[in-house]
Structure formats: C-alpha cells, structure tokens
C-alpha cells in the first residue's frame, strides 16, 4: 500500500507540475500533432498501443494499476470490506514516452514485478481521404528482474481506422519472442503471434468506452486471452481510465502470457498526462 500511495502522489505531482492548455489555445499550423484527436485521445487502449503520435520533442507520462484481488472472490460484503480490491496489493506500471522525430516515438514502461520494457513506434502511413487506415510499425523488448533476465522482444504493426470524431478501431498483429518464461528446452513453442483487437467509442464530449482483446493466433498460448474494458474521462492533458480485465499484463511480453482465468476479473486504472 505504501508503494501504491507513493506512485499515486508522484502522478499527482507530475501532473500538476505541467500547465494544462486552455480550451482556446491555438495549435501551430506547422505541427498538427499538437492538435487534440477527439476519436483517439490517448496512446494506449487498456494495455495495447494506439497510433496516436507524440509531437516532436514532446512527452507523455502514464501510470497503470492492476489490483490483484479477484472481484469474484467471496461475497459482496467481503469485496466491500476490501474497498473493491483497493486494500490489496497491485501491479503498478510507470511509463514515459518521447517524440524523437515527427511520427517517431520511443519510451519505456516498468512494472512493480521488476519487468522493464523499452519500445519504439513509427508511423508508416497516415489515414487520409485516399487511404482508409493509419499504419504504424511497432517494436519493443521487455526483460524481467530489471532487464537482466528473460528478454521478450516483439515486432508488429498497429493499424487504426477513425470515423469522424466518435470512434476508433484497431487491429494489431504482433509477434512476441520468448513469451514463455520457462527454458526453451521445456516448452513446445517459445514465441506467440498476437492479434490485438480494440475500439474506443466517444459517448460524451470527454467520456469514452474502451474495449480490447489479445488472442494468440499461433505459437505459445498459456492461460487465456487477456481482455480489458474501460470507462475513460479526458480532462485537459489528462486521461483517467477505470478498467476491468482478466489479467495484469501491461507490457507485450506480459500480455502474450495471457490472463489468469476466464472468470477472473480485476479492477484497475490508468492515468496518463501529455506534456504538450
């Protein structure tokens, strides 16, 4: 709980330390990446990436919590006595991403089980009147024990389609190597092919519903497909998301290992902050 408290306080301090653009602030004509995309306001869904670009030399911060109490464990009184899981431990992630070039972003994500992920994303083709999709190339590598053991590199693409200012759809074929943490001599497959599927629906001017699933279509398939749903609120440069999922994964290596069970659901949240 002390770690959760410290991370929450850190998030508040970092968020308040940056100014929030006013509603009437203009966007320079030479940098369209600074403009708010109403159908795609954030860089992730629940755990999967989106095609939102980080402006050149700008950054964004995110904190993730996945509380470890299963919501179906015990009756309602037991759940309420634990404040719906908040009194239990959580897997926490801290992330920062940076716009290296126009259309290119890099970043890192570290979870409280000492898994560290480094990632890079580059926009290959943008949606336009003549092309119906945005396509981004995505690469990452995560390592357990503070990036000293069990490395899991990943390569893939993030394909999105936004419709007006109301909805975005995502298709994400991603290959993850070393998805099984057991020694390769003990497993039949040691990589997995993921097919991330997701959508973000804008139901109010600043409120969204987010849904994602990450089935493994080939290779290693431990546990069950990780699924997540979320209710999201945008406020200035902040995005607050309350989510429910059947697993704790927030790096691609963790997502490739699946959720804990078909009937296991856990409460969590994401808080992100754009510094532009």
Protein backbone atom coordinates (compact mmCIF):
# COMPACT_ATOMS: atom_id res chain seq x y z
CA UNK A 1 0.00 0.00 0.00
CA UNK A 2 2.87 2.40 0.70
CA UNK A 3 4.20 1.80 -2.82
CA UNK A 4 0.75 2.47 -4.29
CA UNK A 5 0.49 5.67 -2.24
CA UNK A 6 3.93 6.89 -3.35
CA UNK A 7 3.16 6.21 -7.03
CA UNK A 8 -0.19 8.00 -6.79
CA UNK A 9 1.41 11.04 -5.14
CA UNK A 10 4.13 11.05 -7.83
CA UNK A 11 1.47 11.04 -10.54
CA UNK A 12 -0.33 13.99 -8.96
CA UNK A 13 2.90 15.98 -8.57
CA UNK A 14 3.99 15.33 -12.16
CA UNK A 15 0.53 16.17 -13.47
CA UNK A 16 0.21 19.41 -11.55
CA UNK A 17 3.74 20.42 -12.45
CA UNK A 18 2.79 20.97 -16.07
CA UNK A 19 0.38 23.57 -17.32
CA UNK A 20 -2.92 22.48 -18.83
CA UNK A 21 -3.65 24.07 -22.22
CA UNK A 22 -6.76 26.20 -22.24
CA UNK A 23 -9.71 25.34 -24.48
CA UNK A 24 -8.99 28.34 -26.64
CA UNK A 25 -5.31 27.65 -27.17
CA UNK A 26 -4.33 27.62 -30.85
CA UNK A 27 -2.17 24.95 -32.44
CA UNK A 28 0.77 26.00 -34.63
CA UNK A 29 -0.01 25.33 -38.29
CA UNK A 30 3.38 23.65 -38.78
CA UNK A 31 2.78 20.97 -36.09
CA UNK A 32 -0.58 19.21 -36.47
CA UNK A 33 0.50 16.58 -33.89
CA UNK A 34 -0.26 19.14 -31.18
CA UNK A 35 -3.95 19.14 -32.09
CA UNK A 36 -6.35 17.08 -29.99
CA UNK A 37 -7.69 13.99 -31.79
CA UNK A 38 -11.15 13.52 -30.31
CA UNK A 39 -11.57 9.93 -31.54
CA UNK A 40 -8.08 8.94 -30.37
CA UNK A 41 -7.11 10.98 -27.30
CA UNK A 42 -4.52 8.62 -25.79
CA UNK A 43 -1.53 6.48 -26.70
CA UNK A 44 -2.98 3.22 -25.37
CA UNK A 45 -6.32 1.44 -25.07
CA UNK A 46 -6.19 -0.60 -21.84
CA UNK A 47 -2.82 -2.26 -22.46
CA UNK A 48 -2.45 -2.17 -26.26
CA UNK A 49 -0.86 0.77 -28.12
CA UNK A 50 -2.75 3.11 -30.45
CA UNK A 51 -1.49 5.08 -33.46
CA UNK A 52 -1.59 8.47 -31.72
CA UNK A 53 1.62 10.37 -32.45
CA UNK A 54 3.77 12.14 -29.87
CA UNK A 55 4.78 15.57 -31.20
CA UNK A 56 8.48 16.03 -31.91
CA UNK A 57 10.45 16.67 -28.72
CA UNK A 58 7.32 16.41 -26.53
CA UNK A 59 6.49 13.72 -24.00
CA UNK A 60 3.77 11.90 -22.11
CA UNK A 61 3.61 10.05 -18.78
CA UNK A 62 1.37 7.15 -17.73
CA UNK A 63 0.80 5.17 -14.55
CA UNK A 64 -1.08 1.85 -14.53
CA UNK A 65 -2.57 -0.07 -11.58
CA UNK A 66 -3.93 -3.61 -11.67
CA UNK A 67 -5.29 -4.59 -8.25
CA UNK A 68 -4.61 -8.25 -7.51
CA UNK A 69 -7.85 -9.12 -5.71
CA UNK A 70 -10.21 -11.11 -7.90
CA UNK A 71 -13.59 -9.38 -7.88
CA UNK A 72 -15.47 -12.69 -7.76
CA UNK A 73 -13.58 -13.98 -4.72
CA UNK A 74 -16.02 -14.02 -1.79
CA UNK A 75 -19.39 -12.33 -1.44
CA UNK A 76 -20.25 -8.65 -1.85
CA UNK A 77 -19.57 -7.94 1.83
CA UNK A 78 -16.05 -9.36 1.56
CA UNK A 79 -15.43 -7.31 -1.56
CA UNK A 80 -16.78 -4.12 0.02
CA UNK A 81 -14.68 -4.66 3.15
CA UNK A 82 -11.59 -4.62 0.92
CA UNK A 83 -12.90 -1.48 -0.83
CA UNK A 84 -13.37 -3.49 -4.04
CA UNK A 85 -9.74 -4.55 -4.11
CA UNK A 86 -8.07 -1.25 -3.20
CA UNK A 87 -6.90 -2.63 0.14
CA UNK A 88 -4.99 -5.41 -1.61
CA UNK A 89 -1.74 -5.24 -3.50
CA UNK A 90 -1.44 -4.08 -7.09
CA UNK A 91 0.86 -4.49 -10.05
CA UNK A 92 1.88 -0.95 -10.90
CA UNK A 93 3.45 0.38 -14.07
CA UNK A 94 5.22 3.67 -14.74
CA UNK A 95 5.74 4.81 -18.33
CA UNK A 96 7.26 7.72 -20.21
CA UNK A 97 7.27 8.24 -23.98
CA UNK A 98 9.05 10.88 -26.07
CA UNK A 99 8.62 12.16 -29.62
CA UNK A 100 12.04 11.59 -31.14
CA UNK A 101 11.15 12.70 -34.67
CA UNK A 102 7.94 13.65 -36.43
CA UNK A 103 5.94 10.41 -36.45
CA UNK A 104 8.50 8.50 -34.33
CA UNK A 105 8.22 7.91 -30.58
CA UNK A 106 10.26 5.94 -28.07
CA UNK A 107 9.64 5.10 -24.44
CA UNK A 108 9.91 2.75 -21.51
CA UNK A 109 7.45 1.05 -19.17
CA UNK A 110 8.40 -0.56 -15.83
CA UNK A 111 6.07 -2.65 -13.69
CA UNK A 112 6.35 -3.38 -9.98
CA UNK A 113 7.29 -7.03 -10.62
CA UNK A 114 10.57 -5.58 -11.96
CA UNK A 115 9.75 -6.08 -15.64
CA UNK A 116 11.14 -3.26 -17.80
CA UNK A 117 10.03 -2.67 -21.38
CA UNK A 118 11.59 -0.40 -24.00
CA UNK A 119 9.54 0.40 -27.11
CA UNK A 120 9.64 2.36 -30.37
CA UNK A 121 6.86 3.23 -32.79
CA UNK A 122 6.94 4.86 -36.22
CA UNK A 123 4.02 5.94 -38.40
CA UNK A 124 4.38 4.37 -41.85
CA UNK A 125 1.19 5.66 -43.48
CA UNK A 126 -1.46 8.07 -42.19
CA UNK A 127 -5.21 7.86 -42.74
CA UNK A 128 -6.38 10.29 -45.39
CA UNK A 129 -9.13 10.79 -47.95
CA UNK A 130 -7.28 8.46 -50.32
CA UNK A 131 -6.16 5.89 -47.70
CA UNK A 132 -8.58 4.46 -45.09
CA UNK A 133 -6.14 3.46 -42.34
CA UNK A 134 -3.20 4.63 -40.24
CA UNK A 135 -0.38 2.08 -40.07
CA UNK A 136 2.43 2.24 -37.53
CA UNK A 137 5.39 -0.11 -37.13
CA UNK A 138 5.95 -1.19 -33.52
CA UNK A 139 8.92 -2.80 -31.77
CA UNK A 140 9.60 -3.49 -28.11
CA UNK A 141 11.65 -5.62 -25.78
CA UNK A 142 10.95 -6.33 -22.14
CA UNK A 143 13.15 -8.05 -19.58
CA UNK A 144 12.39 -9.39 -16.14
CA UNK A 145 14.43 -8.65 -13.00
CA UNK A 146 15.14 -5.05 -14.02
CA UNK A 147 16.01 -6.02 -17.60
CA UNK A 148 18.56 -8.62 -16.55
CA UNK A 149 16.68 -11.89 -17.20
CA UNK A 150 14.20 -13.47 -19.67
CA UNK A 151 14.06 -10.99 -22.56
CA UNK A 152 10.92 -10.88 -24.76
CA UNK A 153 11.33 -8.87 -27.98
CA UNK A 154 8.26 -8.04 -30.05
CA UNK A 155 7.66 -6.81 -33.62
CA UNK A 156 4.40 -5.88 -35.24
CA UNK A 157 2.07 -3.27 -36.62
CA UNK A 158 -0.71 -1.10 -35.21
CA UNK A 159 -3.47 -0.41 -37.74
CA UNK A 160 -6.24 2.06 -36.89
CA UNK A 161 -9.33 3.50 -38.50
CA UNK A 162 -11.04 6.55 -37.02
CA UNK A 163 -14.55 7.59 -38.00
CA UNK A 164 -15.34 11.28 -37.63
CA UNK A 165 -14.69 12.33 -34.03
CA UNK A 166 -16.54 9.47 -32.38
CA UNK A 167 -14.89 6.06 -32.76
CA UNK A 168 -11.55 4.40 -33.47
CA UNK A 169 -10.93 0.74 -34.38
CA UNK A 170 -7.64 -1.13 -34.01
CA UNK A 171 -6.08 -4.27 -35.48
CA UNK A 172 -2.62 -5.17 -34.13
CA UNK A 173 -0.72 -8.24 -35.41
CA UNK A 174 2.32 -8.59 -33.16
CA UNK A 175 4.92 -11.37 -32.82
CA UNK A 176 6.43 -11.86 -29.35
CA UNK A 177 9.54 -13.99 -28.87
CA UNK A 178 10.29 -15.81 -25.60
CA UNK A 179 6.70 -15.42 -24.49
CA UNK A 180 7.11 -18.43 -22.20
CA UNK A 181 9.43 -17.73 -19.27
CA UNK A 182 10.31 -21.43 -18.91
CA UNK A 183 13.57 -22.64 -20.53
CA UNK A 184 13.09 -23.26 -24.26
CA UNK A 185 14.08 -26.92 -23.80
CA UNK A 186 10.96 -27.49 -21.70
CA UNK A 187 8.29 -25.96 -23.98
CA UNK A 188 6.95 -26.78 -27.45
CA UNK A 189 6.68 -23.13 -28.52
CA UNK A 190 8.63 -20.20 -27.21
CA UNK A 191 7.03 -17.41 -29.21
CA UNK A 192 3.48 -16.22 -29.82
CA UNK A 193 1.63 -14.42 -32.57
CA UNK A 194 -0.87 -11.95 -31.12
CA UNK A 195 -3.80 -10.33 -32.88
CA UNK A 196 -4.78 -7.33 -30.82
CA UNK A 197 -8.33 -6.08 -31.37
CA UNK A 198 -9.76 -2.94 -29.83
CA UNK A 199 -12.04 0.05 -30.09
CA UNK A 200 -12.56 3.38 -28.37
CA UNK A 201 -16.05 4.90 -28.53
CA UNK A 202 -16.68 8.54 -27.61
CA UNK A 203 -20.05 8.56 -25.84
CA UNK A 204 -19.90 12.10 -24.40
CA UNK A 205 -17.74 15.12 -25.32
CA UNK A 206 -14.99 13.95 -22.90
CA UNK A 207 -16.11 10.41 -21.97
CA UNK A 208 -15.12 7.18 -23.75
CA UNK A 209 -15.72 3.44 -23.57
CA UNK A 210 -12.67 1.30 -24.37
CA UNK A 211 -12.62 -2.42 -25.23
CA UNK A 212 -9.67 -4.64 -26.19
CA UNK A 213 -8.75 -8.30 -26.52
CA UNK A 214 -5.49 -10.01 -27.45
CA UNK A 215 -5.99 -13.56 -28.71
CA UNK A 216 -2.89 -15.63 -29.52
CA UNK A 217 -3.47 -17.00 -33.03
CA UNK A 218 -0.28 -19.09 -33.24
CA UNK A 219 2.58 -20.33 -31.11
CA UNK A 220 2.64 -20.34 -27.32
CA UNK A 221 -0.83 -19.95 -25.77
CA UNK A 222 -0.59 -20.21 -21.97
CA UNK A 223 -3.58 -19.27 -19.83
CA UNK A 224 -6.50 -17.44 -21.51
CA UNK A 225 -6.82 -14.47 -23.85
CA UNK A 226 -6.36 -11.21 -21.94
CA UNK A 227 -9.40 -8.95 -22.27
CA UNK A 228 -9.92 -5.45 -20.90
CA UNK A 229 -12.74 -2.90 -20.81
CA UNK A 230 -12.56 0.64 -19.53
CA UNK A 231 -14.50 3.82 -18.86
CA UNK A 232 -12.43 6.90 -19.63
CA UNK A 233 -12.58 10.61 -18.86
CA UNK A 234 -10.48 13.23 -20.64
CA UNK A 235 -9.67 16.43 -18.77
CA UNK A 236 -7.25 18.83 -20.45
CA UNK A 237 -3.97 16.99 -20.91
CA UNK A 238 -5.05 14.19 -18.57
CA UNK A 239 -6.87 10.95 -19.32
CA UNK A 240 -8.33 8.96 -16.41
CA UNK A 241 -9.44 5.37 -17.08
CA UNK A 242 -11.16 2.91 -14.74
CA UNK A 243 -10.76 -0.55 -16.21
CA UNK A 244 -11.56 -4.21 -15.61
CA UNK A 245 -9.51 -7.05 -17.05
CA UNK A 246 -8.85 -10.75 -16.57
CA UNK A 247 -5.09 -10.28 -16.24
CA UNK A 248 -2.37 -7.90 -15.11
CA UNK A 249 -0.30 -7.55 -18.29
CA UNK A 250 0.72 -4.07 -19.42
CA UNK A 251 3.87 -4.96 -21.43
CA UNK A 252 3.60 -7.02 -24.62
CA UNK A 253 5.53 -9.89 -23.05
CA UNK A 254 3.06 -9.97 -20.16
CA UNK A 255 0.04 -9.71 -22.46
CA UNK A 256 1.37 -12.60 -24.56
CA UNK A 257 1.29 -14.82 -21.46
CA UNK A 258 -2.46 -14.28 -21.15
CA UNK A 259 -4.93 -13.64 -18.37
CA UNK A 260 -5.26 -15.66 -15.20
CA UNK A 261 -8.65 -17.28 -15.94
CA UNK A 262 -11.89 -16.93 -17.87
CA UNK A 263 -13.89 -15.93 -14.79
CA UNK A 264 -11.12 -13.90 -13.11
CA UNK A 265 -11.73 -10.15 -13.24
CA UNK A 266 -9.68 -7.45 -11.60
CA UNK A 267 -10.21 -3.73 -11.20
CA UNK A 268 -7.53 -1.29 -12.25
CA UNK A 269 -6.89 2.16 -13.63
CA UNK A 270 -4.66 4.11 -15.99
CA UNK A 271 -3.75 7.78 -15.63
CA UNK A 272 -1.94 9.49 -18.48
CA UNK A 273 -0.61 13.03 -18.88
CA UNK A 274 0.51 14.76 -22.07
CA UNK A 275 3.20 17.39 -21.76
CA UNK A 276 2.05 19.44 -24.74
